[in-house]
């Protein structure tokens, strides 16, 4: 759903995130975009308290 580059503190969402994953949960234990991005953010090296440095590359 997304690719994380820890050294660059960057998350790059893939097309399925925008096409197939809803913005909000539709059922218990389902996945939404926010959950995917939080999951990917846990892979960043500089995540703790540095959200202003996070680069999320959104589709144009």
PDB file of N, CA and C in Angstrom:
ATOM      1  N   UNK A   1       0.796  -1.190   0.000  1.00  0.00           N
ATOM      2  CA  UNK A   1       0.000   0.000   0.000  1.00  0.00           C
ATOM      3  C   UNK A   1       0.847   1.266   0.000  1.00  0.00           C
ATOM      4  N   UNK A   2       2.051   1.169   0.586  1.00  0.00           N
ATOM      5  CA  UNK A   2       2.948   2.322   0.630  1.00  0.00           C
ATOM      6  C   UNK A   2       4.374   1.816   0.791  1.00  0.00           C
ATOM      7  N   UNK A   3       5.310   2.635   0.381  1.00  0.00           N
ATOM      8  CA  UNK A   3       6.728   2.315   0.529  1.00  0.00           C
ATOM      9  C   UNK A   3       7.331   3.370   1.444  1.00  0.00           C
ATOM     10  N   UNK A   4       8.124   2.935   2.413  1.00  0.00           N
ATOM     11  CA  UNK A   4       8.756   3.860   3.349  1.00  0.00           C
ATOM     12  C   UNK A   4      10.257   3.861   3.123  1.00  0.00           C
ATOM     13  N   UNK A   5      10.830   5.052   3.074  1.00  0.00           N
ATOM     14  CA  UNK A   5      12.271   5.234   2.960  1.00  0.00           C
ATOM     15  C   UNK A   5      12.762   5.855   4.263  1.00  0.00           C
ATOM     16  N   UNK A   6      13.172   5.012   5.233  1.00  0.00           N
ATOM     17  CA  UNK A   6      13.540   5.528   6.555  1.00  0.00           C
ATOM     18  C   UNK A   6      14.674   6.555   6.522  1.00  0.00           C
ATOM     19  N   UNK A   7      15.667   6.356   5.665  1.00  0.00           N
ATOM     20  CA  UNK A   7      16.799   7.279   5.628  1.00  0.00           C
ATOM     21  C   UNK A   7      16.396   8.673   5.164  1.00  0.00           C
ATOM     22  N   UNK A   8      15.352   8.751   4.361  1.00  0.00           N
ATOM     23  CA  UNK A   8      14.885  10.039   3.842  1.00  0.00           C
ATOM     24  C   UNK A   8      13.679  10.560   4.627  1.00  0.00           C
ATOM     25  N   UNK A   9      13.219   9.777   5.608  1.00  0.00           N
ATOM     26  CA  UNK A   9      12.032  10.123   6.384  1.00  0.00           C
ATOM     27  C   UNK A   9      10.844  10.385   5.453  1.00  0.00           C
ATOM     28  N   UNK A  10      10.647   9.478   4.513  1.00  0.00           N
ATOM     29  CA  UNK A  10       9.647   9.674   3.456  1.00  0.00           C
ATOM     30  C   UNK A  10       8.753   8.442   3.318  1.00  0.00           C
ATOM     31  N   UNK A  11       7.461   8.700   3.156  1.00  0.00           N
ATOM     32  CA  UNK A  11       6.488   7.653   2.864  1.00  0.00           C
ATOM     33  C   UNK A  11       5.902   7.945   1.491  1.00  0.00           C
ATOM     34  N   UNK A  12       5.923   6.944   0.615  1.00  0.00           N
ATOM     35  CA  UNK A  12       5.368   7.099  -0.729  1.00  0.00           C
ATOM     36  C   UNK A  12       4.194   6.135  -0.870  1.00  0.00           C
ATOM     37  N   UNK A  13       2.964   6.645  -0.845  1.00  0.00           N
ATOM     38  CA  UNK A  13       1.798   5.780  -1.013  1.00  0.00           C
ATOM     39  C   UNK A  13       1.721   5.230  -2.442  1.00  0.00           C
ATOM     40  N   UNK A  14       1.340   3.977  -2.560  1.00  0.00           N
ATOM     41  CA  UNK A  14       1.156   3.355  -3.874  1.00  0.00           C
ATOM     42  C   UNK A  14      -0.295   3.554  -4.328  1.00  0.00           C
ATOM     43  N   UNK A  15      -0.544   3.354  -5.606  1.00  0.00           N
ATOM     44  CA  UNK A  15      -1.883   3.560  -6.165  1.00  0.00           C
ATOM     45  C   UNK A  15      -2.994   2.800  -5.433  1.00  0.00           C
ATOM     46  N   UNK A  16      -2.777   1.537  -5.008  1.00  0.00           N
ATOM     47  CA  UNK A  16      -3.869   0.830  -4.325  1.00  0.00           C
ATOM     48  C   UNK A  16      -4.368   1.546  -3.070  1.00  0.00           C
ATOM     49  N   UNK A  17      -3.496   2.305  -2.420  1.00  0.00           N
ATOM     50  CA  UNK A  17      -3.935   3.028  -1.225  1.00  0.00           C
ATOM     51  C   UNK A  17      -5.051   4.002  -1.574  1.00  0.00           C
ATOM     52  N   UNK A  18      -4.935   4.669  -2.701  1.00  0.00           N
ATOM     53  CA  UNK A  18      -5.935   5.664  -3.106  1.00  0.00           C
ATOM     54  C   UNK A  18      -7.125   5.020  -3.817  1.00  0.00           C
ATOM     55  N   UNK A  19      -6.911   3.883  -4.471  1.00  0.00           N
ATOM     56  CA  UNK A  19      -7.983   3.260  -5.268  1.00  0.00           C
ATOM     57  C   UNK A  19      -8.847   2.272  -4.487  1.00  0.00           C
ATOM     58  N   UNK A  20      -8.239   1.539  -3.558  1.00  0.00           N
ATOM     59  CA  UNK A  20      -8.952   0.424  -2.934  1.00  0.00           C
ATOM     60  C   UNK A  20      -9.133   0.536  -1.426  1.00  0.00           C
ATOM     61  N   UNK A  21      -8.377   1.401  -0.771  1.00  0.00           N
ATOM     62  CA  UNK A  21      -8.459   1.511   0.686  1.00  0.00           C
ATOM     63  C   UNK A  21      -9.334   2.717   1.042  1.00  0.00           C
ATOM     64  N   UNK A  22     -10.381   2.510   1.846  1.00  0.00           N
ATOM     65  CA  UNK A  22     -11.273   3.624   2.188  1.00  0.00           C
ATOM     66  C   UNK A  22     -10.611   4.613   3.153  1.00  0.00           C
ATOM     67  N   UNK A  23     -11.143   5.826   3.191  1.00  0.00           N
ATOM     68  CA  UNK A  23     -10.604   6.834   4.105  1.00  0.00           C
ATOM     69  C   UNK A  23     -10.979   6.533   5.549  1.00  0.00           C
ATOM     70  N   UNK A  24     -12.056   5.818   5.759  1.00  0.00           N
ATOM     71  CA  UNK A  24     -12.494   5.430   7.096  1.00  0.00           C
ATOM     72  C   UNK A  24     -12.779   3.938   7.129  1.00  0.00           C
ATOM     73  N   UNK A  25     -12.664   3.355   8.319  1.00  0.00           N
ATOM     74  CA  UNK A  25     -12.969   1.938   8.468  1.00  0.00           C
ATOM     75  C   UNK A  25     -14.432   1.681   8.141  1.00  0.00           C
ATOM     76  N   UNK A  26     -14.678   0.609   7.409  1.00  0.00           N
ATOM     77  CA  UNK A  26     -16.051   0.244   7.052  1.00  0.00           C
ATOM     78  C   UNK A  26     -16.561  -0.935   7.872  1.00  0.00           C
ATOM     79  N   UNK A  27     -15.663  -1.606   8.588  1.00  0.00           N
ATOM     80  CA  UNK A  27     -16.038  -2.738   9.430  1.00  0.00           C
ATOM     81  C   UNK A  27     -14.993  -2.895  10.530  1.00  0.00           C
ATOM     82  N   UNK A  28     -15.363  -3.595  11.561  1.00  0.00           N
ATOM     83  CA  UNK A  28     -14.436  -3.854  12.654  1.00  0.00           C
ATOM     84  C   UNK A  28     -13.198  -4.579  12.133  1.00  0.00           C
ATOM     85  N   UNK A  29     -12.031  -4.139  12.523  1.00  0.00           N
ATOM     86  CA  UNK A  29     -10.744  -4.714  12.127  1.00  0.00           C
ATOM     87  C   UNK A  29     -10.426  -4.521  10.645  1.00  0.00           C
ATOM     88  N   UNK A  30     -11.109  -3.617   9.981  1.00  0.00           N
ATOM     89  CA  UNK A  30     -10.764  -3.341   8.587  1.00  0.00           C
ATOM     90  C   UNK A  30      -9.641  -2.303   8.546  1.00  0.00           C
ATOM     91  N   UNK A  31      -9.085  -2.114   7.384  1.00  0.00           N
ATOM     92  CA  UNK A  31      -7.961  -1.194   7.210  1.00  0.00           C
ATOM     93  C   UNK A  31      -8.459   0.076   6.532  1.00  0.00           C
ATOM     94  N   UNK A  32      -7.929   1.218   6.977  1.00  0.00           N
ATOM     95  CA  UNK A  32      -8.219   2.474   6.301  1.00  0.00           C
ATOM     96  C   UNK A  32      -6.896   3.172   5.990  1.00  0.00           C
ATOM     97  N   UNK A  33      -6.962   4.267   5.256  1.00  0.00           N
ATOM     98  CA  UNK A  33      -5.741   4.961   4.838  1.00  0.00           C
ATOM     99  C   UNK A  33      -4.920   5.451   6.025  1.00  0.00           C
ATOM    100  N   UNK A  34      -5.593   5.960   7.021  1.00  0.00           N
ATOM    101  CA  UNK A  34      -4.880   6.448   8.201  1.00  0.00           C
ATOM    102  C   UNK A  34      -4.081   5.353   8.876  1.00  0.00           C
ATOM    103  N   UNK A  35      -4.674   4.170   8.993  1.00  0.00           N
ATOM    104  CA  UNK A  35      -3.981   3.045   9.621  1.00  0.00           C
ATOM    105  C   UNK A  35      -2.754   2.639   8.817  1.00  0.00           C
ATOM    106  N   UNK A  36      -2.875   2.661   7.495  1.00  0.00           N
ATOM    107  CA  UNK A  36      -1.730   2.317   6.641  1.00  0.00           C
ATOM    108  C   UNK A  36      -0.607   3.326   6.848  1.00  0.00           C
ATOM    109  N   UNK A  37      -0.937   4.612   6.877  1.00  0.00           N
ATOM    110  CA  UNK A  37       0.090   5.640   7.028  1.00  0.00           C
ATOM    111  C   UNK A  37       0.730   5.611   8.413  1.00  0.00           C
ATOM    112  N   UNK A  38      -0.063   5.362   9.451  1.00  0.00           N
ATOM    113  CA  UNK A  38       0.510   5.235  10.793  1.00  0.00           C
ATOM    114  C   UNK A  38       1.425   4.021  10.846  1.00  0.00           C
ATOM    115  N   UNK A  39       1.002   2.914  10.258  1.00  0.00           N
ATOM    116  CA  UNK A  39       1.836   1.716  10.214  1.00  0.00           C
ATOM    117  C   UNK A  39       3.169   2.012   9.531  1.00  0.00           C
ATOM    118  N   UNK A  40       3.121   2.682   8.395  1.00  0.00           N
ATOM    119  CA  UNK A  40       4.353   3.008   7.679  1.00  0.00           C
ATOM    120  C   UNK A  40       5.213   3.989   8.476  1.00  0.00           C
ATOM    121  N   UNK A  41       4.585   4.909   9.185  1.00  0.00           N
ATOM    122  CA  UNK A  41       5.340   5.886   9.980  1.00  0.00           C
ATOM    123  C   UNK A  41       6.141   5.216  11.086  1.00  0.00           C
ATOM    124  N   UNK A  42       5.680   4.062  11.565  1.00  0.00           N
ATOM    125  CA  UNK A  42       6.436   3.360  12.604  1.00  0.00           C
ATOM    126  C   UNK A  42       7.755   2.831  12.071  1.00  0.00           C
ATOM    127  N   UNK A  43       7.917   2.790  10.776  1.00  0.00           N
ATOM    128  CA  UNK A  43       9.159   2.318  10.169  1.00  0.00           C
ATOM    129  C   UNK A  43      10.181   3.440   9.979  1.00  0.00           C
ATOM    130  N   UNK A  44       9.755   4.676  10.203  1.00  0.00           N
ATOM    131  CA  UNK A  44      10.663   5.808  10.038  1.00  0.00           C
ATOM    132  C   UNK A  44      11.636   5.877  11.207  1.00  0.00           C
ATOM    133  N   UNK A  45      12.855   6.251  10.940  1.00  0.00           N
ATOM    134  CA  UNK A  45      13.861   6.346  11.996  1.00  0.00           C
ATOM    135  C   UNK A  45      13.666   7.584  12.856  1.00  0.00           C
ATOM    136  N   UNK A  46      13.173   8.652  12.264  1.00  0.00           N
ATOM    137  CA  UNK A  46      13.028   9.904  13.001  1.00  0.00           C
ATOM    138  C   UNK A  46      11.570  10.212  13.300  1.00  0.00           C
ATOM    139  N   UNK A  47      10.799   9.207  13.558  1.00  0.00           N
ATOM    140  CA  UNK A  47       9.357   9.393  13.725  1.00  0.00           C
ATOM    141  C   UNK A  47       9.010  10.102  15.033  1.00  0.00           C
ATOM    142  N   UNK A  48       9.650   9.729  16.107  1.00  0.00           N
ATOM    143  CA  UNK A  48       9.271  10.226  17.423  1.00  0.00           C
ATOM    144  C   UNK A  48       9.268  11.742  17.557  1.00  0.00           C
ATOM    145  N   UNK A  49       8.097  12.361  17.491  1.00  0.00           N
ATOM    146  CA  UNK A  49       7.965  13.790  17.692  1.00  0.00           C
ATOM    147  C   UNK A  49       8.422  14.653  16.534  1.00  0.00           C
ATOM    148  N   UNK A  50       8.669  14.072  15.381  1.00  0.00           N
ATOM    149  CA  UNK A  50       9.181  14.847  14.252  1.00  0.00           C
ATOM    150  C   UNK A  50       8.266  14.753  13.037  1.00  0.00           C
ATOM    151  N   UNK A  51       6.971  14.819  13.236  1.00  0.00           N
ATOM    152  CA  UNK A  51       6.032  14.714  12.119  1.00  0.00           C
ATOM    153  C   UNK A  51       6.192  15.850  11.121  1.00  0.00           C
ATOM    154  N   UNK A  52       6.691  17.018  11.577  1.00  0.00           N
ATOM    155  CA  UNK A  52       6.855  18.135  10.653  1.00  0.00           C
ATOM    156  C   UNK A  52       7.902  17.829   9.594  1.00  0.00           C
ATOM    157  N   UNK A  53       8.772  16.888   9.836  1.00  0.00           N
ATOM    158  CA  UNK A  53       9.806  16.522   8.866  1.00  0.00           C
ATOM    159  C   UNK A  53       9.351  15.434   7.899  1.00  0.00           C
ATOM    160  N   UNK A  54       8.247  14.803   8.207  1.00  0.00           N
ATOM    161  CA  UNK A  54       7.746  13.708   7.378  1.00  0.00           C
ATOM    162  C   UNK A  54       7.306  14.231   6.018  1.00  0.00           C
ATOM    163  N   UNK A  55       7.787  13.590   4.977  1.00  0.00           N
ATOM    164  CA  UNK A  55       7.380  13.954   3.623  1.00  0.00           C
ATOM    165  C   UNK A  55       6.455  12.867   3.095  1.00  0.00           C
ATOM    166  N   UNK A  56       5.222  13.209   2.913  1.00  0.00           N
ATOM    167  CA  UNK A  56       4.248  12.282   2.355  1.00  0.00           C
ATOM    168  C   UNK A  56       4.007  12.704   0.916  1.00  0.00           C
ATOM    169  N   UNK A  57       4.419  11.860  -0.009  1.00  0.00           N
ATOM    170  CA  UNK A  57       4.298  12.198  -1.419  1.00  0.00           C
ATOM    171  C   UNK A  57       2.912  11.811  -1.922  1.00  0.00           C
ATOM    172  N   UNK A  58       2.076  12.789  -2.112  1.00  0.00           N
ATOM    173  CA  UNK A  58       0.706  12.568  -2.562  1.00  0.00           C
ATOM    174  C   UNK A  58       0.648  12.550  -4.081  1.00  0.00           C
ATOM    175  N   UNK A  59      -0.313  11.844  -4.647  1.00  0.00           N
ATOM    176  CA  UNK A  59      -0.431  11.818  -6.106  1.00  0.00           C
ATOM    177  C   UNK A  59      -0.804  13.198  -6.637  1.00  0.00           C
ATOM    178  N   UNK A  60      -0.361  13.480  -7.831  1.00  0.00           N
ATOM    179  CA  UNK A  60      -0.650  14.792  -8.435  1.00  0.00           C
ATOM    180  C   UNK A  60      -1.965  14.784  -9.145  1.00  0.00           C
TER     181      UNK A  60
END
